[in-house]
Amino acid sequence: MTTNTQETNGVSFKHIDKAVKTLDVDAMEQENALLPDNLSGRVQKLVKVYSSIRPLLTVVSTLPIIPAAWRAALTIFSQAVEAVVSAPEIAGDADFKAGKDL
């Protein structure tokens, strides 16, 4: 039985729930209308969404009920997205605009 205090892979239910709840769906829809429809806008959205669901993806990628190949694929996907959202051009520069130098 799972409880609110149980931890999986160092991530608690409370931590996952708090992170997921940071995604305000109504606010995201409004922000989507304001974000430019270009690479910069898409990366901004990716960073926000991934940051909120990262703990959930971490736990899901360790569940033994999911086939090993699926868990491995999910782990590789998470690592690839993490590489993008933690890139110095994004993480260290609030004024980052993807593709501005092209």
Protein backbone atom coordinates (compact mmCIF):
# COMPACT_ATOMS: atom_id res chain seq x y z
CA MET A 1 0.00 0.00 0.00
CA THR A 2 1.27 3.45 -0.88
CA THR A 3 1.04 6.27 1.60
CA ASN A 4 1.69 9.97 1.38
CA THR A 5 4.96 9.56 3.27
CA GLN A 6 6.34 6.69 1.22
CA GLU A 7 9.41 7.54 -0.81
CA THR A 8 10.44 6.02 -4.11
CA ASN A 9 13.95 6.61 -5.37
CA GLY A 10 14.37 9.39 -2.81
CA VAL A 11 11.30 11.29 -4.01
CA SER A 12 8.26 11.46 -1.74
CA PHE A 13 4.61 11.63 -2.72
CA LYS A 14 4.44 15.10 -1.19
CA HIS A 15 7.39 16.27 -3.29
CA ILE A 16 5.85 14.92 -6.50
CA ASP A 17 2.43 16.33 -5.67
CA LYS A 18 3.84 19.75 -4.84
CA ALA A 19 5.88 19.85 -8.06
CA VAL A 20 2.98 18.76 -10.27
CA LYS A 21 0.68 21.31 -8.65
CA THR A 22 3.03 24.10 -9.74
CA LEU A 23 1.64 23.56 -13.22
CA ASP A 24 -1.39 25.82 -13.27
CA VAL A 25 -3.20 24.59 -16.39
CA ASP A 26 -5.28 27.76 -16.79
CA ALA A 27 -2.23 29.99 -16.41
CA MET A 28 -0.27 27.79 -18.82
CA GLU A 29 -2.96 28.19 -21.47
CA GLN A 30 -2.79 31.97 -21.09
CA GLU A 31 1.02 31.90 -21.18
CA ASN A 32 0.93 29.74 -24.31
CA ALA A 33 -1.01 32.47 -26.06
CA LEU A 34 1.64 35.01 -25.05
CA LEU A 35 4.73 32.93 -25.83
CA PRO A 36 6.15 33.37 -29.30
CA ASP A 37 5.55 30.45 -31.66
CA ASN A 38 9.24 29.85 -32.20
CA LEU A 39 12.04 27.80 -30.69
CA SER A 40 12.52 30.21 -27.80
CA GLY A 41 8.87 30.00 -26.76
CA ARG A 42 8.86 26.23 -27.07
CA VAL A 43 12.01 25.88 -24.96
CA GLN A 44 10.53 28.16 -22.29
CA LYS A 45 7.45 25.94 -22.14
CA LEU A 46 9.57 22.78 -22.05
CA VAL A 47 11.62 24.10 -19.13
CA LYS A 48 8.52 24.99 -17.13
CA VAL A 49 6.64 21.74 -17.77
CA TYR A 50 9.64 19.45 -17.34
CA SER A 51 10.65 21.13 -14.09
CA SER A 52 7.21 20.37 -12.71
CA ILE A 53 6.99 16.75 -13.80
CA ARG A 54 10.64 15.73 -13.31
CA PRO A 55 10.00 14.08 -9.90
CA LEU A 56 7.06 12.14 -11.34
CA LEU A 57 9.10 10.92 -14.32
CA THR A 58 11.90 9.88 -11.96
CA VAL A 59 9.57 7.67 -9.95
CA VAL A 60 7.70 6.25 -12.94
CA SER A 61 11.01 5.27 -14.55
CA THR A 62 11.76 3.04 -11.54
CA LEU A 63 8.42 1.21 -11.22
CA PRO A 64 8.94 -2.54 -11.68
CA ILE A 65 5.44 -2.92 -13.16
CA ILE A 66 6.64 -1.07 -16.27
CA PRO A 67 8.73 -3.20 -18.65
CA ALA A 68 12.48 -2.67 -18.31
CA ALA A 69 12.85 -1.44 -21.89
CA TRP A 70 10.14 1.19 -21.30
CA ARG A 71 11.80 2.32 -18.06
CA ALA A 72 15.13 2.60 -19.86
CA ALA A 73 13.55 4.62 -22.66
CA LEU A 74 11.89 6.94 -20.14
CA THR A 75 15.21 7.39 -18.33
CA ILE A 76 17.01 8.24 -21.58
CA PHE A 77 14.23 10.68 -22.49
CA SER A 78 14.46 12.35 -19.08
CA GLN A 79 18.23 12.64 -19.39
CA ALA A 80 17.92 14.21 -22.84
CA VAL A 81 15.36 16.76 -21.67
CA GLU A 82 17.43 17.46 -18.54
CA ALA A 83 20.44 18.19 -20.79
CA VAL A 84 18.37 20.78 -22.65
CA VAL A 85 16.72 22.48 -19.69
CA SER A 86 19.92 22.61 -17.63
CA ALA A 87 22.09 23.94 -20.46
CA PRO A 88 24.06 27.01 -19.36
CA GLU A 89 22.45 29.05 -22.12
CA ILE A 90 19.07 28.39 -20.54
CA ALA A 91 19.71 27.79 -16.85
CA GLY A 92 22.19 30.59 -16.35
CA ASP A 93 20.72 33.31 -18.53
CA ALA A 94 17.25 34.65 -17.82
CA ASP A 95 17.43 36.64 -21.05
CA PHE A 96 18.15 33.55 -23.14
CA LYS A 97 16.47 33.55 -26.51
CA ALA A 98 16.97 30.29 -28.40
CA GLY A 99 18.23 30.94 -31.89
CA LYS A 100 18.78 34.67 -31.39
CA ASP A 101 22.27 34.39 -32.88
CA LEU A 102 21.12 32.60 -36.03
